Amino acid sequence: MYRASDAVDNEEWTAAIAEAAERLDLDTEARSRAVDLFLTNVPEEDRSKRAVMAASVYVAALTTGEQRSQSAVADATGVSRLTIQKRWKDVLESAGLDAPEW
């Protein structure tokens, strides 16, 4: 879980989530879940925040039934598909869900 101050400290990143969600045409539930996932998993290092933000958007879309491809999320968030591929399972598992064994 995260604190309210985490949301204030990371306004730049929650705004980036909102922009990416808009580009991906995600609904309110997916947008809210992406912010929750990001704030729950926000890393200390600034350079890792974009990767966690992108993975959070991907997982939020996946878990709310608004599936988007890793490539589409990568384009919308400004990261590589490989970045999402490396991070999304950790974000999913932090939410208490098991990653599929595809």
Protein backbone atom coordinates (compact mmCIF):
# COMPACT_ATOMS: atom_id res chain seq x y z
CA MET A 1 0.00 0.00 0.00
CA TYR A 2 1.07 3.58 -0.36
CA ARG A 3 0.65 6.82 1.54
CA ALA A 4 -1.16 9.94 0.34
CA SER A 5 2.17 11.74 0.30
CA ASP A 6 3.40 9.22 -2.29
CA ALA A 7 0.75 10.52 -4.69
CA VAL A 8 1.88 14.10 -4.11
CA ASP A 9 5.56 13.18 -4.48
CA ASN A 10 4.87 11.41 -7.78
CA GLU A 11 2.40 13.78 -9.45
CA GLU A 12 4.61 13.93 -12.54
CA TRP A 13 4.32 10.17 -12.96
CA THR A 14 0.60 9.97 -12.28
CA ALA A 15 0.14 12.67 -14.92
CA ALA A 16 2.21 10.54 -17.33
CA ILE A 17 -0.08 7.59 -16.56
CA ALA A 18 -3.12 9.74 -17.35
CA GLU A 19 -1.58 10.81 -20.67
CA ALA A 20 -0.72 7.24 -21.64
CA ALA A 21 -4.18 6.02 -20.63
CA GLU A 22 -5.70 8.73 -22.80
CA ARG A 23 -3.59 7.65 -25.79
CA LEU A 24 -4.63 4.05 -25.20
CA ASP A 25 -8.31 4.99 -24.66
CA LEU A 26 -8.47 3.21 -21.29
CA ASP A 27 -11.50 3.64 -19.06
CA THR A 28 -11.56 5.17 -15.59
CA GLU A 29 -11.13 1.84 -13.78
CA ALA A 30 -7.97 0.99 -15.72
CA ARG A 31 -6.58 4.49 -15.18
CA SER A 32 -7.20 4.33 -11.45
CA ARG A 33 -5.70 0.84 -11.18
CA ALA A 34 -2.60 1.94 -13.08
CA VAL A 35 -2.03 4.78 -10.62
CA ASP A 36 -2.57 2.44 -7.65
CA LEU A 37 -0.15 -0.12 -9.07
CA PHE A 38 2.47 2.51 -9.78
CA LEU A 39 2.24 4.11 -6.33
CA THR A 40 2.41 0.69 -4.69
CA ASN A 41 5.55 -0.20 -6.66
CA VAL A 42 7.26 3.17 -7.09
CA PRO A 43 11.03 2.62 -7.08
CA GLU A 44 13.55 4.85 -5.33
CA GLU A 45 15.60 5.45 -8.48
CA ASP A 46 14.15 8.02 -10.88
CA ARG A 47 15.47 6.14 -13.89
CA SER A 48 13.34 3.10 -12.98
CA LYS A 49 10.11 5.04 -12.54
CA ARG A 50 9.25 5.18 -16.25
CA ALA A 51 9.60 1.39 -16.52
CA VAL A 52 7.35 0.78 -13.51
CA MET A 53 4.87 3.35 -14.82
CA ALA A 54 4.66 1.57 -18.17
CA ALA A 55 4.33 -1.86 -16.57
CA SER A 56 1.59 -0.51 -14.30
CA VAL A 57 -0.40 0.75 -17.28
CA TYR A 58 0.00 -2.60 -19.05
CA VAL A 59 -1.07 -4.61 -15.99
CA ALA A 60 -4.00 -2.29 -15.29
CA ALA A 61 -5.27 -2.72 -18.84
CA LEU A 62 -4.77 -6.48 -18.63
CA THR A 63 -6.58 -6.88 -15.31
CA THR A 64 -9.54 -4.67 -16.15
CA GLY A 65 -10.34 -6.46 -19.40
CA GLU A 66 -9.03 -3.65 -21.61
CA GLN A 67 -6.08 -5.57 -22.92
CA ARG A 68 -3.54 -3.63 -24.92
CA SER A 69 -0.41 -5.06 -26.47
CA GLN A 70 2.96 -4.49 -24.85
CA SER A 71 3.97 -2.65 -28.02
CA ALA A 72 0.98 -0.28 -27.83
CA VAL A 73 1.66 0.47 -24.15
CA ALA A 74 5.37 0.93 -24.89
CA ASP A 75 4.56 3.46 -27.60
CA ALA A 76 2.12 5.32 -25.34
CA THR A 77 4.55 5.48 -22.42
CA GLY A 78 7.83 6.07 -24.24
CA VAL A 79 9.62 2.85 -23.30
CA SER A 80 10.65 -0.23 -25.20
CA ARG A 81 8.45 -3.33 -25.34
CA LEU A 82 11.29 -5.22 -23.68
CA THR A 83 11.10 -2.87 -20.69
CA ILE A 84 7.47 -3.80 -20.13
CA GLN A 85 8.19 -7.44 -20.77
CA LYS A 86 10.80 -7.43 -17.98
CA ARG A 87 8.66 -5.61 -15.40
CA TRP A 88 4.99 -6.47 -15.78
CA LYS A 89 4.98 -9.80 -13.91
CA ASP A 90 6.50 -8.23 -10.80
CA VAL A 91 3.86 -5.49 -10.85
CA LEU A 92 1.10 -8.07 -11.34
CA GLU A 93 2.36 -10.23 -8.49
CA SER A 94 2.63 -7.19 -6.19
CA ALA A 95 -1.13 -6.84 -6.66
CA GLY A 96 -1.58 -10.37 -5.32
CA LEU A 97 -2.22 -11.97 -8.71
CA ASP A 98 -0.37 -14.84 -10.33
CA ALA A 99 1.29 -14.28 -13.67
CA PRO A 100 0.08 -16.60 -16.42
CA GLU A 101 2.39 -19.34 -17.66
CA TRP A 102 1.95 -18.57 -21.36
